[in-house]
């Protein structure tokens, strides 16, 4: 169903080449935004064409998008398949972040969407502690393995460890690095080779606009394991996207150029865009 929208390898290569050619340390640094939502309460306020324009204005060369409901993601992907990398969120509307883990109807919903559309991951979903072992979450882990998808988990460290116990070969993008302190993030990154973290909404990352020393050490230790993001969970976040991008480039400019480029967009391209390009037109 989505085969006609599948980006070619040539298109992916050209986009990456343009991003690399135009990359300047600081101001013009391209961004792979690894945390975008286009939820149902945003569609009327920020129509698809405007949403795509805002992403491009902020300097995004790619965006990992999930939505409540998934129709929002499909709207943006249809508008700009060169820009949008879709993932499947289990939520059908806002307000399910705390209830989905107990709602078995989520399973049928996710299974049905997987037969219709292509995704790179399941998420972003919220799970905390022992809830990661509930049957609904366990099924998400199984489906990710079955379909060759990553997991994008808004989870504390305990839940991340439980997900890996279910599937030691799982590939997980850790939303907001779990809002865990840098020392705990370092512990898990050292333990799990298939764990990556995106840094959206981390107020402790660059207080007063400057990269915190503890975070700088961590980013230098794991330059291949971090990505950036905006987290457009509310319509107002779309309108402030360029400001978030500017703030992100400010602290990235305090890192060595090659590290800044990896975190800004190269890790996302290697991990998510390249993976999405190898998936079949629809799930099997």
C-alpha atoms as a PDB file:
ATOM      1  CA  UNK A   1       0.000   0.000   0.000  1.00  0.00           C
ATOM      2  CA  UNK A   2       2.860   2.351   0.805  1.00  0.00           C
ATOM      3  CA  UNK A   3       5.309   1.035  -1.764  1.00  0.00           C
ATOM      4  CA  UNK A   4       4.962   4.045  -4.058  1.00  0.00           C
ATOM      5  CA  UNK A   5       6.113   6.337  -1.263  1.00  0.00           C
ATOM      6  CA  UNK A   6       9.185   4.329  -0.386  1.00  0.00           C
ATOM      7  CA  UNK A   7      12.265   6.566  -0.671  1.00  0.00           C
ATOM      8  CA  UNK A   8      14.889   5.200  -3.046  1.00  0.00           C
ATOM      9  CA  UNK A   9      18.463   4.545  -1.984  1.00  0.00           C
ATOM     10  CA  UNK A  10      19.522   7.264  -4.415  1.00  0.00           C
ATOM     11  CA  UNK A  11      17.195   9.817  -2.774  1.00  0.00           C
ATOM     12  CA  UNK A  12      18.515   8.905   0.665  1.00  0.00           C
ATOM     13  CA  UNK A  13      22.096   9.232  -0.504  1.00  0.00           C
ATOM     14  CA  UNK A  14      21.456  12.609  -2.143  1.00  0.00           C
ATOM     15  CA  UNK A  15      19.720  13.989   0.965  1.00  0.00           C
ATOM     16  CA  UNK A  16      22.587  12.887   3.194  1.00  0.00           C
ATOM     17  CA  UNK A  17      25.147  14.331   0.762  1.00  0.00           C
ATOM     18  CA  UNK A  18      23.359  17.687   0.754  1.00  0.00           C
ATOM     19  CA  UNK A  19      23.146  17.677   4.543  1.00  0.00           C
ATOM     20  CA  UNK A  20      26.839  16.906   4.853  1.00  0.00           C
ATOM     21  CA  UNK A  21      27.839  19.491   2.243  1.00  0.00           C
ATOM     22  CA  UNK A  22      25.793  22.203   3.941  1.00  0.00           C
ATOM     23  CA  UNK A  23      26.860  21.306   7.440  1.00  0.00           C
ATOM     24  CA  UNK A  24      28.533  24.109   9.358  1.00  0.00           C
ATOM     25  CA  UNK A  25      29.545  23.766  12.980  1.00  0.00           C
ATOM     26  CA  UNK A  26      26.932  25.633  15.020  1.00  0.00           C
ATOM     27  CA  UNK A  27      24.527  27.808  13.006  1.00  0.00           C
ATOM     28  CA  UNK A  28      23.774  25.714   9.913  1.00  0.00           C
ATOM     29  CA  UNK A  29      24.100  22.264  11.413  1.00  0.00           C
ATOM     30  CA  UNK A  30      21.425  19.946   9.956  1.00  0.00           C
ATOM     31  CA  UNK A  31      19.285  18.073  12.460  1.00  0.00           C
ATOM     32  CA  UNK A  32      17.705  14.645  12.559  1.00  0.00           C
ATOM     33  CA  UNK A  33      14.775  15.311  14.894  1.00  0.00           C
ATOM     34  CA  UNK A  34      14.259  12.009  16.688  1.00  0.00           C
ATOM     35  CA  UNK A  35      11.146  12.983  18.656  1.00  0.00           C
ATOM     36  CA  UNK A  36       8.229  14.439  16.711  1.00  0.00           C
ATOM     37  CA  UNK A  37       4.490  13.921  17.316  1.00  0.00           C
ATOM     38  CA  UNK A  38       1.662  15.076  15.062  1.00  0.00           C
ATOM     39  CA  UNK A  39      -1.308  14.308  17.329  1.00  0.00           C
ATOM     40  CA  UNK A  40      -4.969  14.700  16.426  1.00  0.00           C
ATOM     41  CA  UNK A  41      -5.284  17.957  18.408  1.00  0.00           C
ATOM     42  CA  UNK A  42      -2.631  19.535  16.155  1.00  0.00           C
ATOM     43  CA  UNK A  43      -3.992  18.802  12.678  1.00  0.00           C
ATOM     44  CA  UNK A  44      -6.351  21.794  12.466  1.00  0.00           C
ATOM     45  CA  UNK A  45      -3.973  24.213  14.177  1.00  0.00           C
ATOM     46  CA  UNK A  46      -0.914  23.187  12.130  1.00  0.00           C
ATOM     47  CA  UNK A  47      -1.974  21.574   8.821  1.00  0.00           C
ATOM     48  CA  UNK A  48       0.385  19.019   7.241  1.00  0.00           C
ATOM     49  CA  UNK A  49       1.951  21.428   4.737  1.00  0.00           C
ATOM     50  CA  UNK A  50       2.643  23.931   7.506  1.00  0.00           C
ATOM     51  CA  UNK A  51       4.074  21.228   9.773  1.00  0.00           C
ATOM     52  CA  UNK A  52       6.488  20.135   7.057  1.00  0.00           C
ATOM     53  CA  UNK A  53       7.450  23.756   6.415  1.00  0.00           C
ATOM     54  CA  UNK A  54       8.192  24.261  10.116  1.00  0.00           C
ATOM     55  CA  UNK A  55      10.429  21.179  10.186  1.00  0.00           C
ATOM     56  CA  UNK A  56      12.353  22.359   7.148  1.00  0.00           C
ATOM     57  CA  UNK A  57      12.648  25.903   8.521  1.00  0.00           C
ATOM     58  CA  UNK A  58      14.176  24.465  11.700  1.00  0.00           C
ATOM     59  CA  UNK A  59      16.806  22.718   9.572  1.00  0.00           C
ATOM     60  CA  UNK A  60      15.532  19.161   9.954  1.00  0.00           C
ATOM     61  CA  UNK A  61      16.826  16.814   7.259  1.00  0.00           C
ATOM     62  CA  UNK A  62      14.776  13.970   8.728  1.00  0.00           C
ATOM     63  CA  UNK A  63      12.216  13.512  11.509  1.00  0.00           C
ATOM     64  CA  UNK A  64      11.179  10.396  13.424  1.00  0.00           C
ATOM     65  CA  UNK A  65       7.401  10.818  13.755  1.00  0.00           C
ATOM     66  CA  UNK A  66       4.782   9.067  15.873  1.00  0.00           C
ATOM     67  CA  UNK A  67       1.278  10.274  16.597  1.00  0.00           C
ATOM     68  CA  UNK A  68      -1.925   9.824  18.533  1.00  0.00           C
ATOM     69  CA  UNK A  69      -3.541   8.590  16.332  1.00  0.00           C
ATOM     70  CA  UNK A  70      -1.245   7.113  13.713  1.00  0.00           C
ATOM     71  CA  UNK A  71      -3.208   8.967  11.036  1.00  0.00           C
ATOM     72  CA  UNK A  72      -1.157  12.038  11.903  1.00  0.00           C
ATOM     73  CA  UNK A  73       2.074  10.245  11.052  1.00  0.00           C
ATOM     74  CA  UNK A  74       0.608   9.036   7.763  1.00  0.00           C
ATOM     75  CA  UNK A  75      -0.500  12.578   6.868  1.00  0.00           C
ATOM     76  CA  UNK A  76       3.049  13.889   7.269  1.00  0.00           C
ATOM     77  CA  UNK A  77       4.657  10.920   5.511  1.00  0.00           C
ATOM     78  CA  UNK A  78       2.343  11.355   2.517  1.00  0.00           C
ATOM     79  CA  UNK A  79       3.250  15.058   2.429  1.00  0.00           C
ATOM     80  CA  UNK A  80       7.036  14.581   2.637  1.00  0.00           C
ATOM     81  CA  UNK A  81       8.371  11.003   2.371  1.00  0.00           C
ATOM     82  CA  UNK A  82      11.868  12.432   1.925  1.00  0.00           C
ATOM     83  CA  UNK A  83      11.693  13.985   5.399  1.00  0.00           C
ATOM     84  CA  UNK A  84       9.500  11.733   7.550  1.00  0.00           C
ATOM     85  CA  UNK A  85      10.621   8.442   9.093  1.00  0.00           C
ATOM     86  CA  UNK A  86       7.435   6.878  10.544  1.00  0.00           C
ATOM     87  CA  UNK A  87       7.078   4.879  13.728  1.00  0.00           C
ATOM     88  CA  UNK A  88       3.889   3.400  15.165  1.00  0.00           C
ATOM     89  CA  UNK A  89       2.610   4.690  18.482  1.00  0.00           C
ATOM     90  CA  UNK A  90       0.124   2.381  20.267  1.00  0.00           C
ATOM     91  CA  UNK A  91      -2.088   5.315  21.265  1.00  0.00           C
ATOM     92  CA  UNK A  92      -5.270   6.023  19.310  1.00  0.00           C
ATOM     93  CA  UNK A  93      -5.887   9.366  21.000  1.00  0.00           C
ATOM     94  CA  UNK A  94      -4.342  11.620  23.610  1.00  0.00           C
ATOM     95  CA  UNK A  95      -4.735  10.453  27.188  1.00  0.00           C
ATOM     96  CA  UNK A  96      -3.690   6.812  26.725  1.00  0.00           C
ATOM     97  CA  UNK A  97      -0.122   7.166  27.979  1.00  0.00           C
ATOM     98  CA  UNK A  98      -0.938   5.659  31.386  1.00  0.00           C
ATOM     99  CA  UNK A  99      -3.692   3.223  30.350  1.00  0.00           C
ATOM    100  CA  UNK A 100      -2.348   1.498  27.231  1.00  0.00           C
ATOM    101  CA  UNK A 101      -0.266  -1.029  29.175  1.00  0.00           C
ATOM    102  CA  UNK A 102      -3.493  -2.448  30.653  1.00  0.00           C
ATOM    103  CA  UNK A 103      -5.569  -2.279  27.446  1.00  0.00           C
ATOM    104  CA  UNK A 104      -5.403  -5.467  25.387  1.00  0.00           C
ATOM    105  CA  UNK A 105      -7.307  -3.837  22.512  1.00  0.00           C
ATOM    106  CA  UNK A 106      -4.050  -1.993  21.774  1.00  0.00           C
ATOM    107  CA  UNK A 107      -2.574  -5.256  20.472  1.00  0.00           C
ATOM    108  CA  UNK A 108      -5.144  -5.689  17.699  1.00  0.00           C
ATOM    109  CA  UNK A 109      -4.772  -2.023  16.760  1.00  0.00           C
ATOM    110  CA  UNK A 110      -0.992  -2.283  16.411  1.00  0.00           C
ATOM    111  CA  UNK A 111      -1.139  -5.586  14.554  1.00  0.00           C
ATOM    112  CA  UNK A 112      -3.640  -4.151  12.075  1.00  0.00           C
ATOM    113  CA  UNK A 113      -1.574  -1.027  11.383  1.00  0.00           C
ATOM    114  CA  UNK A 114       1.508  -3.148  10.799  1.00  0.00           C
ATOM    115  CA  UNK A 115      -0.275  -4.887   7.920  1.00  0.00           C
ATOM    116  CA  UNK A 116      -1.032  -1.536   6.249  1.00  0.00           C
ATOM    117  CA  UNK A 117       1.986   0.716   6.621  1.00  0.00           C
ATOM    118  CA  UNK A 118       5.745   0.710   6.945  1.00  0.00           C
ATOM    119  CA  UNK A 119       7.475   1.818  10.141  1.00  0.00           C
ATOM    120  CA  UNK A 120      10.978   1.824  11.544  1.00  0.00           C
ATOM    121  CA  UNK A 121       9.929   1.425  15.201  1.00  0.00           C
ATOM    122  CA  UNK A 122       7.131   0.918  17.707  1.00  0.00           C
ATOM    123  CA  UNK A 123       6.741   3.981  19.921  1.00  0.00           C
ATOM    124  CA  UNK A 124       7.129   6.418  21.390  1.00  0.00           C
ATOM    125  CA  UNK A 125       5.334   4.617  24.225  1.00  0.00           C
ATOM    126  CA  UNK A 126       5.378   5.253  27.978  1.00  0.00           C
ATOM    127  CA  UNK A 127       6.221   2.492  30.431  1.00  0.00           C
ATOM    128  CA  UNK A 128       7.615   2.499  33.947  1.00  0.00           C
ATOM    129  CA  UNK A 129       9.262  -0.177  36.080  1.00  0.00           C
ATOM    130  CA  UNK A 130       7.456  -3.501  36.418  1.00  0.00           C
ATOM    131  CA  UNK A 131       4.755  -2.406  33.949  1.00  0.00           C
ATOM    132  CA  UNK A 132       7.255  -3.366  31.258  1.00  0.00           C
ATOM    133  CA  UNK A 133       6.493  -7.000  32.090  1.00  0.00           C
ATOM    134  CA  UNK A 134       2.748  -6.683  31.523  1.00  0.00           C
ATOM    135  CA  UNK A 135       1.300  -8.776  28.657  1.00  0.00           C
ATOM    136  CA  UNK A 136       0.495  -5.802  26.404  1.00  0.00           C
ATOM    137  CA  UNK A 137       4.045  -4.458  26.603  1.00  0.00           C
ATOM    138  CA  UNK A 138       5.486  -7.933  26.202  1.00  0.00           C
ATOM    139  CA  UNK A 139       3.500  -8.299  22.977  1.00  0.00           C
ATOM    140  CA  UNK A 140       4.952  -5.017  21.703  1.00  0.00           C
ATOM    141  CA  UNK A 141       8.437  -6.415  22.233  1.00  0.00           C
ATOM    142  CA  UNK A 142       7.463  -9.583  20.358  1.00  0.00           C
ATOM    143  CA  UNK A 143       5.974  -7.612  17.467  1.00  0.00           C
ATOM    144  CA  UNK A 144       9.080  -5.453  17.202  1.00  0.00           C
ATOM    145  CA  UNK A 145      11.207  -8.584  16.939  1.00  0.00           C
ATOM    146  CA  UNK A 146       8.845 -10.237  14.469  1.00  0.00           C
ATOM    147  CA  UNK A 147       8.776  -7.228  12.132  1.00  0.00           C
ATOM    148  CA  UNK A 148      12.390  -6.135  12.547  1.00  0.00           C
ATOM    149  CA  UNK A 149      11.433  -2.884  14.259  1.00  0.00           C
ATOM    150  CA  UNK A 150      13.103  -0.832  16.956  1.00  0.00           C
ATOM    151  CA  UNK A 151      11.413   0.194  20.192  1.00  0.00           C
ATOM    152  CA  UNK A 152      11.143   3.885  21.129  1.00  0.00           C
ATOM    153  CA  UNK A 153      10.523   3.825  24.861  1.00  0.00           C
ATOM    154  CA  UNK A 154       9.735   6.663  27.247  1.00  0.00           C
ATOM    155  CA  UNK A 155      10.874   4.587  30.189  1.00  0.00           C
ATOM    156  CA  UNK A 156      12.852   4.671  33.388  1.00  0.00           C
ATOM    157  CA  UNK A 157      16.043   2.620  33.664  1.00  0.00           C
ATOM    158  CA  UNK A 158      14.229  -0.252  35.382  1.00  0.00           C
ATOM    159  CA  UNK A 159      11.792  -0.632  32.482  1.00  0.00           C
ATOM    160  CA  UNK A 160      14.613  -0.486  29.925  1.00  0.00           C
ATOM    161  CA  UNK A 161      16.373  -3.354  31.687  1.00  0.00           C
ATOM    162  CA  UNK A 162      13.142  -5.364  31.747  1.00  0.00           C
ATOM    163  CA  UNK A 163      12.636  -4.832  28.006  1.00  0.00           C
ATOM    164  CA  UNK A 164      16.124  -6.148  27.321  1.00  0.00           C
ATOM    165  CA  UNK A 165      15.482  -9.169  29.538  1.00  0.00           C
ATOM    166  CA  UNK A 166      12.508  -9.999  27.331  1.00  0.00           C
ATOM    167  CA  UNK A 167      14.591  -9.667  24.178  1.00  0.00           C
ATOM    168  CA  UNK A 168      18.362  -9.298  24.647  1.00  0.00           C
ATOM    169  CA  UNK A 169      18.655  -8.494  20.920  1.00  0.00           C
ATOM    170  CA  UNK A 170      16.101  -5.679  21.023  1.00  0.00           C
ATOM    171  CA  UNK A 171      17.150  -2.316  19.586  1.00  0.00           C
ATOM    172  CA  UNK A 172      15.852   0.518  21.741  1.00  0.00           C
ATOM    173  CA  UNK A 173      15.764   4.295  21.336  1.00  0.00           C
ATOM    174  CA  UNK A 174      15.470   5.685  24.864  1.00  0.00           C
ATOM    175  CA  UNK A 175      13.224   8.754  24.818  1.00  0.00           C
ATOM    176  CA  UNK A 176      14.655  11.692  26.803  1.00  0.00           C
ATOM    177  CA  UNK A 177      17.367   9.284  28.021  1.00  0.00           C
ATOM    178  CA  UNK A 178      14.700   8.278  30.536  1.00  0.00           C
ATOM    179  CA  UNK A 179      15.059  11.583  32.409  1.00  0.00           C
ATOM    180  CA  UNK A 180      17.674   9.619  34.325  1.00  0.00           C
ATOM    181  CA  UNK A 181      20.855  11.298  35.643  1.00  0.00           C
ATOM    182  CA  UNK A 182      23.908  11.065  33.368  1.00  0.00           C
ATOM    183  CA  UNK A 183      25.600   8.486  35.600  1.00  0.00           C
ATOM    184  CA  UNK A 184      22.636   6.103  35.232  1.00  0.00           C
ATOM    185  CA  UNK A 185      22.478   6.713  31.483  1.00  0.00           C
ATOM    186  CA  UNK A 186      26.191   5.874  31.224  1.00  0.00           C
ATOM    187  CA  UNK A 187      25.631   2.655  33.181  1.00  0.00           C
ATOM    188  CA  UNK A 188      22.974   1.414  30.765  1.00  0.00           C
ATOM    189  CA  UNK A 189      24.816   2.477  27.615  1.00  0.00           C
ATOM    190  CA  UNK A 190      27.852   0.529  28.783  1.00  0.00           C
ATOM    191  CA  UNK A 191      25.701  -2.513  29.515  1.00  0.00           C
ATOM    192  CA  UNK A 192      23.546  -2.578  26.384  1.00  0.00           C
ATOM    193  CA  UNK A 193      25.163  -2.188  22.962  1.00  0.00           C
ATOM    194  CA  UNK A 194      21.769  -1.853  21.260  1.00  0.00           C
ATOM    195  CA  UNK A 195      20.575   1.093  23.325  1.00  0.00           C
ATOM    196  CA  UNK A 196      20.510   4.618  21.909  1.00  0.00           C
ATOM    197  CA  UNK A 197      19.183   7.760  23.587  1.00  0.00           C
ATOM    198  CA  UNK A 198      17.492  10.884  22.284  1.00  0.00           C
ATOM    199  CA  UNK A 199      17.822  14.056  24.301  1.00  0.00           C
ATOM    200  CA  UNK A 200      14.556  15.938  23.785  1.00  0.00           C
ATOM    201  CA  UNK A 201      13.184  17.971  26.707  1.00  0.00           C
ATOM    202  CA  UNK A 202      16.304  17.547  28.877  1.00  0.00           C
ATOM    203  CA  UNK A 203      16.455  20.773  30.871  1.00  0.00           C
ATOM    204  CA  UNK A 204      19.595  19.596  32.659  1.00  0.00           C
ATOM    205  CA  UNK A 205      21.529  19.089  29.433  1.00  0.00           C
ATOM    206  CA  UNK A 206      22.445  22.710  28.818  1.00  0.00           C
ATOM    207  CA  UNK A 207      21.336  24.890  31.730  1.00  0.00           C
ATOM    208  CA  UNK A 208      21.672  28.572  30.880  1.00  0.00           C
ATOM    209  CA  UNK A 209      22.513  27.573  27.314  1.00  0.00           C
ATOM    210  CA  UNK A 210      25.821  25.844  28.019  1.00  0.00           C
ATOM    211  CA  UNK A 211      26.439  22.104  27.926  1.00  0.00           C
ATOM    212  CA  UNK A 212      26.717  20.643  31.424  1.00  0.00           C
ATOM    213  CA  UNK A 213      30.137  19.117  32.146  1.00  0.00           C
ATOM    214  CA  UNK A 214      28.737  15.723  33.129  1.00  0.00           C
ATOM    215  CA  UNK A 215      26.747  15.510  29.913  1.00  0.00           C
ATOM    216  CA  UNK A 216      29.706  16.621  27.828  1.00  0.00           C
ATOM    217  CA  UNK A 217      31.775  13.745  29.205  1.00  0.00           C
ATOM    218  CA  UNK A 218      28.980  11.298  28.451  1.00  0.00           C
ATOM    219  CA  UNK A 219      28.443  12.538  24.876  1.00  0.00           C
ATOM    220  CA  UNK A 220      32.181  12.314  24.200  1.00  0.00           C
ATOM    221  CA  UNK A 221      32.263   8.756  25.567  1.00  0.00           C
ATOM    222  CA  UNK A 222      29.315   7.641  23.395  1.00  0.00           C
ATOM    223  CA  UNK A 223      29.246   9.890  20.306  1.00  0.00           C
ATOM    224  CA  UNK A 224      27.451   7.200  18.263  1.00  0.00           C
ATOM    225  CA  UNK A 225      24.615   6.627  20.729  1.00  0.00           C
ATOM    226  CA  UNK A 226      22.820   9.980  21.048  1.00  0.00           C
ATOM    227  CA  UNK A 227      20.307  11.944  18.956  1.00  0.00           C
ATOM    228  CA  UNK A 228      18.406  15.188  19.425  1.00  0.00           C
ATOM    229  CA  UNK A 229      14.691  15.965  19.297  1.00  0.00           C
ATOM    230  CA  UNK A 230      11.943  18.536  19.834  1.00  0.00           C
ATOM    231  CA  UNK A 231       9.042  16.503  21.321  1.00  0.00           C
ATOM    232  CA  UNK A 232       6.026  18.227  19.751  1.00  0.00           C
ATOM    233  CA  UNK A 233       3.502  16.661  22.126  1.00  0.00           C
ATOM    234  CA  UNK A 234       1.444  19.875  22.206  1.00  0.00           C
ATOM    235  CA  UNK A 235       0.508  22.141  19.268  1.00  0.00           C
ATOM    236  CA  UNK A 236       2.440  25.040  20.793  1.00  0.00           C
ATOM    237  CA  UNK A 237       5.653  23.017  20.552  1.00  0.00           C
ATOM    238  CA  UNK A 238       5.389  23.116  16.771  1.00  0.00           C
ATOM    239  CA  UNK A 239       5.414  26.893  16.763  1.00  0.00           C
ATOM    240  CA  UNK A 240       8.515  26.957  18.977  1.00  0.00           C
ATOM    241  CA  UNK A 241      10.420  24.388  16.926  1.00  0.00           C
ATOM    242  CA  UNK A 242      12.952  26.813  15.452  1.00  0.00           C
ATOM    243  CA  UNK A 243      13.805  28.118  18.925  1.00  0.00           C
ATOM    244  CA  UNK A 244      14.434  24.569  20.157  1.00  0.00           C
ATOM    245  CA  UNK A 245      16.621  23.921  17.106  1.00  0.00           C
ATOM    246  CA  UNK A 246      18.638  27.070  17.774  1.00  0.00           C
ATOM    247  CA  UNK A 247      19.160  26.100  21.426  1.00  0.00           C
ATOM    248  CA  UNK A 248      20.215  22.615  20.354  1.00  0.00           C
ATOM    249  CA  UNK A 249      22.780  23.949  17.902  1.00  0.00           C
ATOM    250  CA  UNK A 250      24.139  26.229  20.626  1.00  0.00           C
ATOM    251  CA  UNK A 251      25.164  23.391  22.926  1.00  0.00           C
ATOM    252  CA  UNK A 252      26.219  21.180  20.022  1.00  0.00           C
ATOM    253  CA  UNK A 253      28.675  23.930  19.044  1.00  0.00           C
ATOM    254  CA  UNK A 254      30.509  23.304  22.329  1.00  0.00           C
ATOM    255  CA  UNK A 255      31.460  19.792  21.180  1.00  0.00           C
ATOM    256  CA  UNK A 256      34.128  18.767  18.663  1.00  0.00           C
ATOM    257  CA  UNK A 257      32.762  19.163  15.130  1.00  0.00           C
ATOM    258  CA  UNK A 258      32.728  15.446  14.324  1.00  0.00           C
ATOM    259  CA  UNK A 259      30.869  14.647  17.559  1.00  0.00           C
ATOM    260  CA  UNK A 260      28.358  17.452  17.005  1.00  0.00           C
ATOM    261  CA  UNK A 261      27.621  16.188  13.490  1.00  0.00           C
ATOM    262  CA  UNK A 262      27.041  12.638  14.706  1.00  0.00           C
ATOM    263  CA  UNK A 263      24.606  13.677  17.412  1.00  0.00           C
ATOM    264  CA  UNK A 264      22.893  16.296  15.248  1.00  0.00           C
ATOM    265  CA  UNK A 265      22.014  14.048  12.321  1.00  0.00           C
ATOM    266  CA  UNK A 266      24.487  11.329  11.354  1.00  0.00           C
ATOM    267  CA  UNK A 267      23.478   8.881  14.102  1.00  0.00           C
ATOM    268  CA  UNK A 268      19.816   9.217  13.156  1.00  0.00           C
ATOM    269  CA  UNK A 269      20.570   8.680   9.484  1.00  0.00           C
ATOM    270  CA  UNK A 270      22.690   5.597  10.170  1.00  0.00           C
ATOM    271  CA  UNK A 271      20.355   4.079  12.751  1.00  0.00           C
ATOM    272  CA  UNK A 272      16.873   4.971  11.491  1.00  0.00           C
ATOM    273  CA  UNK A 273      16.869   6.214   7.894  1.00  0.00           C
ATOM    274  CA  UNK A 274      19.151   3.444   6.670  1.00  0.00           C
ATOM    275  CA  UNK A 275      17.102   0.831   8.545  1.00  0.00           C
ATOM    276  CA  UNK A 276      13.801   2.151   7.188  1.00  0.00           C
ATOM    277  CA  UNK A 277      15.100   2.030   3.612  1.00  0.00           C
ATOM    278  CA  UNK A 278      15.752  -1.722   3.885  1.00  0.00           C
ATOM    279  CA  UNK A 279      12.257  -2.665   5.119  1.00  0.00           C
ATOM    280  CA  UNK A 280       9.688  -4.161   2.721  1.00  0.00           C
ATOM    281  CA  UNK A 281       6.852  -1.935   1.414  1.00  0.00           C
ATOM    282  CA  UNK A 282       4.452  -3.385   4.014  1.00  0.00           C
ATOM    283  CA  UNK A 283       4.861  -5.675   7.004  1.00  0.00           C
ATOM    284  CA  UNK A 284       4.627  -9.406   6.385  1.00  0.00           C
END
